[in-house]
Amino acid sequence: MSKRILIVEDEFNIADLLKAYLERDGFEVQWVTTGEQALDELARLAVDLIVLDIGLPGMDGFEVCRRVRARTSVPILMLTAREDEIDRVAGLESGADDYVVKPFSPRELVARVKAILRRSGGGESGGATVLRHGAIELRRDARDVTLDGTEVELTNREFDLLAALLAHPNVVLSRDRLLELVWGGEYPGGTRTVDVHIAQLRRKLGDDNPIRTVHGVGYKVAS
């Protein structure tokens, strides 16, 4: 069954080009022009990934992302015409899994979509299906995390980051190594991206979370 992509973009030329490239690669594509329409579509349809422009009329992409995250962990790829780090960080903090800066190559965007969908489809091959640490239980096959038996809503990036840390207990993983494991190595946000997602993970796992900072090196899960 083909994957369904929801494009939320008010610029006709960009949306039409993306739609053509995604459909050529076998995706089913829905296209809306406002955040309000996107939320309506999500209530009506199951989608596998959202391509979301930040600069929408009315409700902007950041607010749409936050509202989507309140409902679901569907992967979100944000489009932005702004290269400032503060905008990239704001997108990640609002719950986006990845972002692309305009102007961009449609082929690159399709490759990003495929990579995100591969990551959201399952954990690392050959690894343990269930990872546990104290009150945390992570199930790779079901793509869920519980804390004291209560489900914790994580984005796909947050899930993969936590899985990488739990799979290497007491091992310090550098930011570059985490970029490689979770983002596939090359990522325009650099290591700051890792720090943003670690902060989000800690917030969602509470004050007793086991993630420790090793200054000047990276992060580890302490036993």
N, C-alpha and C. Protein backbone atom coordinates (compact mmCIF):
# COMPACT_ATOMS: atom_id res chain seq x y z
N MET A 1 0.85 -1.19 0.00
CA MET A 1 0.00 0.00 0.00
C MET A 1 0.89 1.24 0.00
N SER A 2 0.58 2.22 -0.87
CA SER A 2 1.41 3.42 -0.96
C SER A 2 1.23 4.28 0.29
N LYS A 3 2.30 5.00 0.61
CA LYS A 3 2.27 5.91 1.76
C LYS A 3 1.57 7.20 1.36
N ARG A 4 0.81 7.76 2.31
CA ARG A 4 0.08 9.00 2.03
C ARG A 4 0.83 10.18 2.66
N ILE A 5 1.14 11.18 1.82
CA ILE A 5 1.83 12.38 2.25
C ILE A 5 0.87 13.55 2.20
N LEU A 6 0.86 14.35 3.26
CA LEU A 6 0.06 15.57 3.28
C LEU A 6 1.00 16.76 3.11
N ILE A 7 0.82 17.52 2.02
CA ILE A 7 1.59 18.74 1.78
C ILE A 7 0.75 19.92 2.27
N VAL A 8 1.37 20.77 3.11
CA VAL A 8 0.71 21.98 3.60
C VAL A 8 1.56 23.15 3.12
N GLU A 9 1.17 23.75 2.01
CA GLU A 9 1.99 24.76 1.34
C GLU A 9 1.08 25.69 0.54
N ASP A 10 1.23 27.01 0.75
CA ASP A 10 0.36 27.96 0.06
C ASP A 10 0.93 28.47 -1.26
N GLU A 11 2.18 28.13 -1.57
CA GLU A 11 2.76 28.53 -2.85
C GLU A 11 2.50 27.43 -3.88
N PHE A 12 1.68 27.77 -4.88
CA PHE A 12 1.22 26.78 -5.85
C PHE A 12 2.38 26.10 -6.55
N ASN A 13 3.36 26.87 -7.03
CA ASN A 13 4.46 26.30 -7.81
C ASN A 13 5.25 25.26 -7.02
N ILE A 14 5.52 25.58 -5.75
CA ILE A 14 6.27 24.65 -4.90
C ILE A 14 5.46 23.39 -4.64
N ALA A 15 4.21 23.57 -4.25
CA ALA A 15 3.36 22.42 -3.93
C ALA A 15 3.14 21.53 -5.15
N ASP A 16 2.92 22.15 -6.30
CA ASP A 16 2.67 21.37 -7.52
C ASP A 16 3.90 20.56 -7.89
N LEU A 17 5.09 21.16 -7.74
CA LEU A 17 6.33 20.46 -8.05
C LEU A 17 6.55 19.29 -7.09
N LEU A 18 6.36 19.53 -5.80
CA LEU A 18 6.52 18.47 -4.80
C LEU A 18 5.55 17.34 -5.04
N LYS A 19 4.31 17.69 -5.32
CA LYS A 19 3.28 16.68 -5.57
C LYS A 19 3.69 15.79 -6.75
N ALA A 20 4.19 16.41 -7.81
CA ALA A 20 4.58 15.64 -8.99
C ALA A 20 5.73 14.69 -8.68
N TYR A 21 6.73 15.17 -7.96
CA TYR A 21 7.88 14.32 -7.64
C TYR A 21 7.50 13.19 -6.69
N LEU A 22 6.67 13.49 -5.69
CA LEU A 22 6.27 12.45 -4.73
C LEU A 22 5.40 11.40 -5.41
N GLU A 23 4.47 11.83 -6.24
CA GLU A 23 3.60 10.87 -6.94
C GLU A 23 4.40 10.02 -7.91
N ARG A 24 5.42 10.61 -8.52
CA ARG A 24 6.27 9.84 -9.43
C ARG A 24 6.99 8.72 -8.70
N ASP A 25 7.24 8.92 -7.38
CA ASP A 25 7.90 7.89 -6.59
C ASP A 25 6.90 6.96 -5.90
N GLY A 26 5.64 7.05 -6.26
CA GLY A 26 4.65 6.10 -5.77
C GLY A 26 3.89 6.52 -4.54
N PHE A 27 4.07 7.77 -4.07
CA PHE A 27 3.33 8.23 -2.91
C PHE A 27 1.94 8.74 -3.30
N GLU A 28 1.00 8.57 -2.39
CA GLU A 28 -0.31 9.20 -2.53
C GLU A 28 -0.23 10.56 -1.84
N VAL A 29 -0.63 11.62 -2.53
CA VAL A 29 -0.41 12.97 -2.02
C VAL A 29 -1.73 13.73 -1.85
N GLN A 30 -1.91 14.32 -0.68
CA GLN A 30 -2.98 15.28 -0.42
C GLN A 30 -2.32 16.65 -0.26
N TRP A 31 -2.98 17.69 -0.77
CA TRP A 31 -2.39 19.03 -0.72
C TRP A 31 -3.41 20.02 -0.21
N VAL A 32 -3.03 20.77 0.83
CA VAL A 32 -3.86 21.86 1.34
C VAL A 32 -3.00 23.11 1.45
N THR A 33 -3.63 24.26 1.60
CA THR A 33 -2.90 25.53 1.57
C THR A 33 -2.86 26.27 2.90
N THR A 34 -3.60 25.80 3.90
CA THR A 34 -3.62 26.47 5.21
C THR A 34 -3.48 25.46 6.34
N GLY A 35 -3.09 25.96 7.49
CA GLY A 35 -2.98 25.11 8.67
C GLY A 35 -4.32 24.57 9.11
N GLU A 36 -5.35 25.40 9.00
CA GLU A 36 -6.69 24.95 9.39
C GLU A 36 -7.15 23.77 8.53
N GLN A 37 -6.89 23.87 7.23
CA GLN A 37 -7.25 22.77 6.33
C GLN A 37 -6.44 21.51 6.66
N ALA A 38 -5.18 21.69 7.05
CA ALA A 38 -4.34 20.54 7.40
C ALA A 38 -4.91 19.80 8.60
N LEU A 39 -5.34 20.53 9.61
CA LEU A 39 -5.89 19.89 10.80
C LEU A 39 -7.20 19.18 10.47
N ASP A 40 -7.99 19.77 9.57
CA ASP A 40 -9.23 19.11 9.14
C ASP A 40 -8.91 17.80 8.40
N GLU A 41 -7.89 17.83 7.52
CA GLU A 41 -7.52 16.62 6.78
C GLU A 41 -7.05 15.53 7.73
N LEU A 42 -6.28 15.90 8.75
CA LEU A 42 -5.79 14.91 9.71
C LEU A 42 -6.93 14.26 10.48
N ALA A 43 -7.99 15.01 10.71
CA ALA A 43 -9.15 14.45 11.40
C ALA A 43 -9.92 13.49 10.49
N ARG A 44 -9.74 13.67 9.18
CA ARG A 44 -10.50 12.88 8.21
C ARG A 44 -9.71 11.70 7.67
N LEU A 45 -8.39 11.86 7.51
CA LEU A 45 -7.56 10.86 6.85
C LEU A 45 -6.39 10.43 7.73
N ALA A 46 -5.94 9.20 7.51
CA ALA A 46 -4.67 8.76 8.11
C ALA A 46 -3.56 9.11 7.13
N VAL A 47 -2.54 9.83 7.61
CA VAL A 47 -1.40 10.17 6.75
C VAL A 47 -0.14 9.60 7.37
N ASP A 48 0.86 9.37 6.52
CA ASP A 48 2.11 8.78 6.98
C ASP A 48 3.20 9.81 7.23
N LEU A 49 3.07 10.99 6.62
CA LEU A 49 4.06 12.06 6.82
C LEU A 49 3.45 13.37 6.35
N ILE A 50 3.85 14.45 7.02
CA ILE A 50 3.40 15.79 6.66
C ILE A 50 4.59 16.63 6.20
N VAL A 51 4.46 17.25 5.02
CA VAL A 51 5.42 18.25 4.57
C VAL A 51 4.77 19.60 4.85
N LEU A 52 5.35 20.36 5.78
CA LEU A 52 4.67 21.52 6.36
C LEU A 52 5.50 22.80 6.18
N ASP A 53 4.93 23.78 5.47
CA ASP A 53 5.59 25.07 5.31
C ASP A 53 5.43 25.90 6.58
N ILE A 54 6.48 26.61 6.98
CA ILE A 54 6.39 27.47 8.16
C ILE A 54 5.58 28.72 7.86
N GLY A 55 5.84 29.32 6.69
CA GLY A 55 5.23 30.62 6.39
C GLY A 55 3.86 30.53 5.78
N LEU A 56 2.92 29.97 6.50
CA LEU A 56 1.55 29.84 6.01
C LEU A 56 0.73 31.08 6.36
N PRO A 57 -0.31 31.38 5.57
CA PRO A 57 -1.21 32.47 5.96
C PRO A 57 -2.04 32.06 7.17
N GLY A 58 -2.33 33.01 8.04
CA GLY A 58 -3.09 32.68 9.24
C GLY A 58 -2.25 31.91 10.25
N MET A 59 -2.67 30.72 10.59
CA MET A 59 -1.92 29.88 11.53
C MET A 59 -0.61 29.44 10.89
N ASP A 60 0.52 29.82 11.51
CA ASP A 60 1.80 29.48 10.88
C ASP A 60 2.19 28.03 11.15
N GLY A 61 3.28 27.59 10.48
CA GLY A 61 3.69 26.20 10.57
C GLY A 61 4.06 25.76 11.97
N PHE A 62 4.64 26.66 12.76
CA PHE A 62 5.01 26.30 14.13
C PHE A 62 3.77 25.90 14.92
N GLU A 63 2.71 26.71 14.82
CA GLU A 63 1.48 26.43 15.56
C GLU A 63 0.81 25.16 15.03
N VAL A 64 0.81 24.99 13.71
CA VAL A 64 0.25 23.76 13.15
C VAL A 64 0.99 22.54 13.69
N CYS A 65 2.32 22.63 13.73
CA CYS A 65 3.14 21.53 14.22
C CYS A 65 2.80 21.20 15.66
N ARG A 66 2.68 22.22 16.49
CA ARG A 66 2.34 21.98 17.90
C ARG A 66 0.97 21.31 18.03
N ARG A 67 0.01 21.75 17.23
CA ARG A 67 -1.34 21.16 17.32
C ARG A 67 -1.37 19.73 16.80
N VAL A 68 -0.58 19.48 15.75
CA VAL A 68 -0.50 18.10 15.25
C VAL A 68 0.12 17.21 16.32
N ARG A 69 1.18 17.70 16.96
CA ARG A 69 1.87 16.90 17.99
C ARG A 69 0.97 16.60 19.19
N ALA A 70 0.00 17.46 19.44
CA ALA A 70 -0.95 17.19 20.53
C ALA A 70 -1.87 16.03 20.20
N ARG A 71 -1.94 15.67 18.90
CA ARG A 71 -2.83 14.59 18.46
C ARG A 71 -2.10 13.31 18.11
N THR A 72 -0.92 13.44 17.49
CA THR A 72 -0.28 12.29 16.88
C THR A 72 1.22 12.47 16.77
N SER A 73 1.93 11.35 16.57
CA SER A 73 3.38 11.39 16.38
C SER A 73 3.76 11.24 14.91
N VAL A 74 2.82 11.50 13.98
CA VAL A 74 3.11 11.39 12.56
C VAL A 74 4.35 12.23 12.22
N PRO A 75 5.28 11.72 11.42
CA PRO A 75 6.49 12.49 11.09
C PRO A 75 6.14 13.79 10.36
N ILE A 76 6.90 14.84 10.68
CA ILE A 76 6.70 16.16 10.08
C ILE A 76 8.03 16.66 9.51
N LEU A 77 8.02 17.01 8.23
CA LEU A 77 9.16 17.63 7.57
C LEU A 77 8.79 19.07 7.28
N MET A 78 9.50 20.01 7.91
CA MET A 78 9.15 21.42 7.76
C MET A 78 9.92 22.06 6.61
N LEU A 79 9.24 22.99 5.93
CA LEU A 79 9.85 23.80 4.88
C LEU A 79 9.99 25.23 5.40
N THR A 80 11.15 25.82 5.24
CA THR A 80 11.34 27.18 5.70
C THR A 80 12.18 27.96 4.70
N ALA A 81 11.82 29.24 4.52
CA ALA A 81 12.61 30.12 3.67
C ALA A 81 13.66 30.84 4.49
N ARG A 82 13.69 30.58 5.79
CA ARG A 82 14.61 31.29 6.69
C ARG A 82 15.70 30.34 7.16
N GLU A 83 16.94 30.81 7.10
CA GLU A 83 18.07 29.98 7.44
C GLU A 83 18.57 30.22 8.87
N ASP A 84 17.96 31.18 9.58
CA ASP A 84 18.43 31.49 10.93
C ASP A 84 18.30 30.27 11.83
N GLU A 85 19.31 30.06 12.67
CA GLU A 85 19.29 28.92 13.58
C GLU A 85 18.08 28.96 14.49
N ILE A 86 17.67 30.15 14.92
CA ILE A 86 16.54 30.24 15.85
C ILE A 86 15.27 29.69 15.23
N ASP A 87 15.10 29.85 13.92
CA ASP A 87 13.91 29.30 13.25
C ASP A 87 13.99 27.79 13.16
N ARG A 88 15.20 27.28 12.86
CA ARG A 88 15.37 25.82 12.78
C ARG A 88 15.11 25.19 14.15
N VAL A 89 15.67 25.80 15.18
CA VAL A 89 15.48 25.27 16.54
C VAL A 89 14.01 25.34 16.94
N ALA A 90 13.34 26.45 16.60
CA ALA A 90 11.91 26.59 16.94
C ALA A 90 11.10 25.49 16.26
N GLY A 91 11.45 25.16 15.03
CA GLY A 91 10.74 24.09 14.34
C GLY A 91 10.92 22.75 15.01
N LEU A 92 12.15 22.46 15.41
CA LEU A 92 12.42 21.20 16.08
C LEU A 92 11.74 21.15 17.45
N GLU A 93 11.77 22.27 18.15
CA GLU A 93 11.16 22.29 19.49
C GLU A 93 9.64 22.17 19.40
N SER A 94 9.05 22.60 18.30
CA SER A 94 7.60 22.47 18.16
C SER A 94 7.19 21.06 17.77
N GLY A 95 8.19 20.19 17.45
CA GLY A 95 7.89 18.78 17.22
C GLY A 95 8.23 18.25 15.85
N ALA A 96 8.87 19.07 14.99
CA ALA A 96 9.24 18.60 13.66
C ALA A 96 10.34 17.55 13.74
N ASP A 97 10.34 16.63 12.78
CA ASP A 97 11.37 15.60 12.72
C ASP A 97 12.56 16.03 11.87
N ASP A 98 12.33 16.90 10.92
CA ASP A 98 13.38 17.34 10.01
C ASP A 98 12.92 18.64 9.37
N TYR A 99 13.82 19.32 8.66
CA TYR A 99 13.44 20.53 7.95
C TYR A 99 14.30 20.68 6.71
N VAL A 100 13.79 21.42 5.74
CA VAL A 100 14.50 21.72 4.50
C VAL A 100 14.36 23.22 4.26
N VAL A 101 15.47 23.86 3.90
CA VAL A 101 15.47 25.31 3.66
C VAL A 101 15.24 25.58 2.18
N LYS A 102 14.31 26.48 1.87
CA LYS A 102 14.06 26.90 0.50
C LYS A 102 15.17 27.84 0.04
N PRO A 103 15.54 27.82 -1.24
CA PRO A 103 15.12 26.87 -2.28
C PRO A 103 15.81 25.52 -2.09
N PHE A 104 15.16 24.45 -2.48
CA PHE A 104 15.69 23.12 -2.26
C PHE A 104 15.50 22.28 -3.53
N SER A 105 16.20 21.18 -3.58
CA SER A 105 16.04 20.23 -4.68
C SER A 105 14.87 19.31 -4.37
N PRO A 106 13.90 19.19 -5.28
CA PRO A 106 12.79 18.26 -5.03
C PRO A 106 13.29 16.83 -4.81
N ARG A 107 14.35 16.44 -5.51
CA ARG A 107 14.89 15.09 -5.32
C ARG A 107 15.42 14.91 -3.90
N GLU A 108 16.07 15.97 -3.38
CA GLU A 108 16.57 15.89 -2.00
C GLU A 108 15.41 15.75 -1.03
N LEU A 109 14.35 16.53 -1.26
CA LEU A 109 13.21 16.45 -0.34
C LEU A 109 12.58 15.07 -0.38
N VAL A 110 12.41 14.49 -1.56
CA VAL A 110 11.86 13.14 -1.65
C VAL A 110 12.76 12.15 -0.92
N ALA A 111 14.08 12.32 -1.05
CA ALA A 111 15.01 11.44 -0.34
C ALA A 111 14.86 11.60 1.17
N ARG A 112 14.66 12.83 1.63
CA ARG A 112 14.44 13.06 3.06
C ARG A 112 13.15 12.38 3.53
N VAL A 113 12.11 12.50 2.73
CA VAL A 113 10.83 11.86 3.07
C VAL A 113 11.02 10.35 3.21
N LYS A 114 11.71 9.75 2.25
CA LYS A 114 11.93 8.30 2.30
C LYS A 114 12.75 7.90 3.52
N ALA A 115 13.77 8.70 3.85
CA ALA A 115 14.61 8.39 5.00
C ALA A 115 13.82 8.46 6.30
N ILE A 116 12.98 9.49 6.42
CA ILE A 116 12.17 9.62 7.64
C ILE A 116 11.20 8.44 7.76
N LEU A 117 10.58 8.06 6.65
CA LEU A 117 9.64 6.94 6.68
C LEU A 117 10.34 5.63 7.01
N ARG A 118 11.57 5.45 6.51
CA ARG A 118 12.32 4.24 6.87
C ARG A 118 12.59 4.20 8.37
N ARG A 119 12.99 5.33 8.92
CA ARG A 119 13.29 5.37 10.36
C ARG A 119 12.03 5.16 11.20
N SER A 120 10.91 5.71 10.73
CA SER A 120 9.68 5.59 11.52
C SER A 120 9.06 4.21 11.40
N GLY A 121 9.56 3.41 10.45
CA GLY A 121 8.98 2.08 10.24
C GLY A 121 9.53 1.02 11.15
N GLY A 122 10.60 1.28 11.90
CA GLY A 122 11.18 0.27 12.78
C GLY A 122 12.52 0.69 13.29
N GLY A 123 13.04 -0.07 14.24
CA GLY A 123 14.32 0.25 14.86
C GLY A 123 15.47 -0.33 14.08
N GLU A 124 16.65 -0.30 14.68
CA GLU A 124 17.85 -0.82 14.04
C GLU A 124 17.74 -2.33 13.89
N SER A 125 18.16 -2.82 12.74
CA SER A 125 18.13 -4.26 12.55
C SER A 125 19.13 -4.94 13.46
N GLY A 126 18.77 -6.08 13.96
CA GLY A 126 19.69 -6.83 14.79
C GLY A 126 19.70 -6.43 16.24
N GLY A 127 18.99 -5.35 16.61
CA GLY A 127 18.99 -4.91 17.99
C GLY A 127 17.89 -5.57 18.78
N ALA A 128 17.95 -5.41 20.10
CA ALA A 128 16.90 -5.95 20.95
C ALA A 128 15.57 -5.27 20.62
N THR A 129 14.50 -6.06 20.65
CA THR A 129 13.19 -5.49 20.35
C THR A 129 12.69 -4.61 21.47
N VAL A 130 12.96 -5.01 22.72
CA VAL A 130 12.53 -4.24 23.88
C VAL A 130 13.77 -3.77 24.64
N LEU A 131 13.82 -2.49 24.94
CA LEU A 131 14.90 -1.90 25.72
C LEU A 131 14.31 -1.33 27.00
N ARG A 132 14.93 -1.65 28.13
CA ARG A 132 14.40 -1.18 29.41
C ARG A 132 15.50 -0.48 30.21
N HIS A 133 15.07 0.52 30.95
CA HIS A 133 15.97 1.19 31.89
C HIS A 133 15.12 1.77 33.00
N GLY A 134 15.19 1.17 34.19
CA GLY A 134 14.36 1.62 35.29
C GLY A 134 12.89 1.55 34.92
N ALA A 135 12.20 2.69 35.01
CA ALA A 135 10.76 2.72 34.72
C ALA A 135 10.48 2.89 33.24
N ILE A 136 11.54 3.02 32.42
CA ILE A 136 11.36 3.25 30.98
C ILE A 136 11.37 1.92 30.24
N GLU A 137 10.39 1.72 29.37
CA GLU A 137 10.38 0.56 28.48
C GLU A 137 10.13 1.05 27.06
N LEU A 138 11.02 0.68 26.15
CA LEU A 138 10.92 1.06 24.75
C LEU A 138 10.77 -0.18 23.90
N ARG A 139 9.70 -0.21 23.10
CA ARG A 139 9.44 -1.34 22.21
C ARG A 139 9.66 -0.88 20.77
N ARG A 140 10.71 -1.45 20.15
CA ARG A 140 11.03 -1.03 18.78
C ARG A 140 9.98 -1.48 17.77
N ASP A 141 9.43 -2.69 17.96
CA ASP A 141 8.47 -3.18 16.98
C ASP A 141 7.19 -2.36 16.98
N ALA A 142 6.73 -1.96 18.16
CA ALA A 142 5.50 -1.17 18.27
C ALA A 142 5.75 0.33 18.21
N ARG A 143 7.04 0.74 18.24
CA ARG A 143 7.41 2.14 18.22
C ARG A 143 6.72 2.90 19.36
N ASP A 144 6.77 2.32 20.57
CA ASP A 144 6.20 3.04 21.70
C ASP A 144 7.13 3.00 22.90
N VAL A 145 6.92 3.97 23.79
CA VAL A 145 7.70 4.10 25.02
C VAL A 145 6.74 4.30 26.17
N THR A 146 6.98 3.59 27.26
CA THR A 146 6.18 3.79 28.47
C THR A 146 7.08 4.16 29.63
N LEU A 147 6.54 4.94 30.54
CA LEU A 147 7.22 5.34 31.76
C LEU A 147 6.31 4.97 32.92
N ASP A 148 6.76 4.00 33.74
CA ASP A 148 5.91 3.46 34.82
C ASP A 148 4.57 2.98 34.26
N GLY A 149 4.61 2.39 33.06
CA GLY A 149 3.41 1.84 32.45
C GLY A 149 2.54 2.82 31.70
N THR A 150 2.89 4.11 31.75
CA THR A 150 2.12 5.14 31.05
C THR A 150 2.84 5.52 29.76
N GLU A 151 2.10 5.53 28.65
CA GLU A 151 2.73 5.81 27.36
C GLU A 151 3.23 7.25 27.31
N VAL A 152 4.42 7.40 26.74
CA VAL A 152 5.03 8.72 26.54
C VAL A 152 4.99 9.03 25.05
N GLU A 153 4.41 10.16 24.70
CA GLU A 153 4.30 10.55 23.29
C GLU A 153 5.62 11.16 22.83
N LEU A 154 6.31 10.48 21.93
CA LEU A 154 7.57 10.97 21.38
C LEU A 154 7.45 11.14 19.87
N THR A 155 8.19 12.11 19.32
CA THR A 155 8.31 12.18 17.88
C THR A 155 9.20 11.02 17.42
N ASN A 156 9.23 10.77 16.13
CA ASN A 156 10.07 9.68 15.62
C ASN A 156 11.55 9.92 15.88
N ARG A 157 12.00 11.16 15.76
CA ARG A 157 13.39 11.48 16.07
C ARG A 157 13.70 11.23 17.55
N GLU A 158 12.80 11.67 18.41
CA GLU A 158 13.00 11.47 19.84
C GLU A 158 13.04 9.98 20.18
N PHE A 159 12.15 9.22 19.54
CA PHE A 159 12.13 7.77 19.76
C PHE A 159 13.47 7.15 19.36
N ASP A 160 13.95 7.49 18.16
CA ASP A 160 15.19 6.90 17.66
C ASP A 160 16.39 7.33 18.51
N LEU A 161 16.36 8.56 18.99
CA LEU A 161 17.45 9.05 19.85
C LEU A 161 17.47 8.29 21.17
N LEU A 162 16.30 8.11 21.78
CA LEU A 162 16.23 7.36 23.03
C LEU A 162 16.64 5.91 22.81
N ALA A 163 16.22 5.32 21.69
CA ALA A 163 16.61 3.93 21.39
C ALA A 163 18.12 3.81 21.27
N ALA A 164 18.75 4.78 20.61
CA ALA A 164 20.21 4.73 20.46
C ALA A 164 20.90 4.80 21.81
N LEU A 165 20.41 5.66 22.69
CA LEU A 165 21.02 5.80 24.02
C LEU A 165 20.78 4.55 24.87
N LEU A 166 19.56 4.02 24.86
CA LEU A 166 19.26 2.84 25.67
C LEU A 166 20.00 1.60 25.18
N ALA A 167 20.29 1.56 23.88
CA ALA A 167 21.01 0.41 23.32
C ALA A 167 22.49 0.41 23.69
N HIS A 168 22.97 1.55 24.25
CA HIS A 168 24.38 1.67 24.63
C HIS A 168 24.48 2.17 26.08
N PRO A 169 23.98 1.39 27.05
CA PRO A 169 23.99 1.86 28.44
C PRO A 169 25.41 2.11 28.95
N ASN A 170 25.58 3.25 29.63
CA ASN A 170 26.85 3.66 30.22
C ASN A 170 27.94 3.94 29.19
N VAL A 171 27.56 4.01 27.92
CA VAL A 171 28.52 4.36 26.86
C VAL A 171 28.26 5.81 26.46
N VAL A 172 29.30 6.63 26.46
CA VAL A 172 29.15 8.02 26.05
C VAL A 172 29.11 8.08 24.52
N LEU A 173 28.01 8.61 23.99
CA LEU A 173 27.86 8.78 22.55
C LEU A 173 28.04 10.26 22.22
N SER A 174 28.98 10.54 21.35
CA SER A 174 29.22 11.93 20.96
C SER A 174 28.04 12.45 20.17
N ARG A 175 27.94 13.77 20.07
CA ARG A 175 26.86 14.36 19.27
C ARG A 175 26.98 13.92 17.81
N ASP A 176 28.21 13.86 17.30
CA ASP A 176 28.40 13.42 15.91
C ASP A 176 27.95 11.98 15.73
N ARG A 177 28.23 11.12 16.72
CA ARG A 177 27.81 9.72 16.63
C ARG A 177 26.29 9.61 16.67
N LEU A 178 25.64 10.42 17.50
CA LEU A 178 24.18 10.41 17.57
C LEU A 178 23.57 10.94 16.28
N LEU A 179 24.19 11.95 15.68
CA LEU A 179 23.74 12.42 14.36
C LEU A 179 23.79 11.28 13.35
N GLU A 180 24.87 10.52 13.39
CA GLU A 180 25.04 9.40 12.46
C GLU A 180 23.98 8.33 12.69
N LEU A 181 23.75 7.98 13.95
CA LEU A 181 22.81 6.91 14.28
C LEU A 181 21.36 7.29 14.00
N VAL A 182 21.00 8.55 14.29
CA VAL A 182 19.59 8.95 14.26
C VAL A 182 19.23 9.72 13.00
N TRP A 183 20.13 10.57 12.54
CA TRP A 183 19.84 11.41 11.38
C TRP A 183 20.54 10.95 10.11
N GLY A 184 21.39 9.94 10.22
CA GLY A 184 22.08 9.46 9.04
C GLY A 184 23.35 10.20 8.71
N GLY A 185 23.91 10.90 9.67
CA GLY A 185 25.22 11.52 9.48
C GLY A 185 25.14 12.97 9.09
N GLU A 186 24.78 13.28 7.84
CA GLU A 186 24.77 14.65 7.37
C GLU A 186 23.43 15.30 7.69
N TYR A 187 23.49 16.39 8.46
CA TYR A 187 22.27 17.09 8.83
C TYR A 187 22.61 18.56 8.97
N PRO A 188 21.87 19.44 8.26
CA PRO A 188 22.25 20.85 8.22
C PRO A 188 22.17 21.57 9.55
N GLY A 189 21.40 21.03 10.50
CA GLY A 189 21.29 21.68 11.80
C GLY A 189 22.50 21.44 12.68
N GLY A 190 23.36 20.48 12.30
CA GLY A 190 24.55 20.20 13.09
C GLY A 190 24.22 19.64 14.45
N THR A 191 25.23 19.69 15.33
CA THR A 191 25.08 19.05 16.63
C THR A 191 24.08 19.77 17.54
N ARG A 192 23.77 21.01 17.23
CA ARG A 192 22.75 21.73 18.01
C ARG A 192 21.42 20.98 17.94
N THR A 193 21.15 20.32 16.83
CA THR A 193 19.94 19.52 16.66
C THR A 193 19.84 18.45 17.75
N VAL A 194 20.96 17.79 18.03
CA VAL A 194 20.99 16.75 19.07
C VAL A 194 20.62 17.35 20.42
N ASP A 195 21.20 18.50 20.74
CA ASP A 195 20.94 19.14 22.04
C ASP A 195 19.45 19.48 22.20
N VAL A 196 18.84 19.98 21.12
CA VAL A 196 17.42 20.33 21.18
C VAL A 196 16.58 19.10 21.46
N HIS A 197 16.86 17.99 20.77
CA HIS A 197 16.07 16.78 20.96
C HIS A 197 16.33 16.13 22.32
N ILE A 198 17.55 16.22 22.82
CA ILE A 198 17.84 15.72 24.17
C ILE A 198 17.03 16.50 25.19
N ALA A 199 16.96 17.82 25.04
CA ALA A 199 16.19 18.65 25.97
C ALA A 199 14.71 18.25 25.95
N GLN A 200 14.18 17.98 24.74
CA GLN A 200 12.78 17.56 24.64
C GLN A 200 12.56 16.19 25.29
N LEU A 201 13.50 15.27 25.08
CA LEU A 201 13.40 13.95 25.70
C LEU A 201 13.39 14.06 27.22
N ARG A 202 14.31 14.84 27.75
CA ARG A 202 14.38 14.99 29.21
C ARG A 202 13.08 15.55 29.77
N ARG A 203 12.52 16.52 29.09
CA ARG A 203 11.27 17.11 29.55
C ARG A 203 10.16 16.06 29.59
N LYS A 204 10.08 15.23 28.54
CA LYS A 204 9.00 14.25 28.45
C LYS A 204 9.20 13.08 29.40
N LEU A 205 10.47 12.76 29.72
CA LEU A 205 10.75 11.63 30.63
C LEU A 205 10.81 12.05 32.09
N GLY A 206 10.73 13.35 32.37
CA GLY A 206 10.64 13.82 33.74
C GLY A 206 12.00 14.04 34.40
N ASP A 207 11.95 14.55 35.62
CA ASP A 207 13.16 14.94 36.34
C ASP A 207 14.08 13.75 36.64
N ASP A 208 13.51 12.56 36.73
CA ASP A 208 14.32 11.38 37.06
C ASP A 208 14.85 10.66 35.82
N ASN A 209 14.83 11.34 34.67
CA ASN A 209 15.30 10.69 33.45
C ASN A 209 16.79 10.34 33.58
N PRO A 210 17.23 9.25 32.91
CA PRO A 210 18.60 8.76 33.09
C PRO A 210 19.62 9.36 32.13
N ILE A 211 19.24 10.33 31.30
CA ILE A 211 20.15 10.88 30.30
C ILE A 211 21.11 11.87 30.97
N ARG A 212 22.38 11.61 30.81
CA ARG A 212 23.40 12.45 31.44
C ARG A 212 24.25 13.13 30.38
N THR A 213 24.63 14.38 30.64
CA THR A 213 25.54 15.11 29.76
C THR A 213 26.97 14.86 30.21
N VAL A 214 27.82 14.49 29.28
CA VAL A 214 29.25 14.38 29.54
C VAL A 214 29.88 15.58 28.82
N HIS A 215 30.21 16.61 29.58
CA HIS A 215 30.60 17.89 29.01
C HIS A 215 31.81 17.74 28.09
N GLY A 216 31.67 18.36 26.92
CA GLY A 216 32.75 18.31 25.95
C GLY A 216 32.77 17.05 25.12
N VAL A 217 31.88 16.09 25.44
CA VAL A 217 31.89 14.81 24.70
C VAL A 217 30.52 14.53 24.09
N GLY A 218 29.50 14.30 24.93
CA GLY A 218 28.19 13.96 24.39
C GLY A 218 27.24 13.55 25.50
N TYR A 219 26.51 12.45 25.29
CA TYR A 219 25.47 12.02 26.23
C TYR A 219 25.56 10.51 26.46
N LYS A 220 25.02 10.11 27.61
CA LYS A 220 24.91 8.68 27.90
C LYS A 220 23.71 8.44 28.78
N VAL A 221 23.27 7.18 28.81
CA VAL A 221 22.25 6.74 29.76
C VAL A 221 22.98 6.06 30.90
N ALA A 222 22.83 6.64 32.09
CA ALA A 222 23.55 6.12 33.25
C ALA A 222 22.75 5.04 33.95
N SER A 223 23.42 4.01 34.41
CA SER A 223 22.74 2.93 35.12
C SER A 223 22.55 3.31 36.58
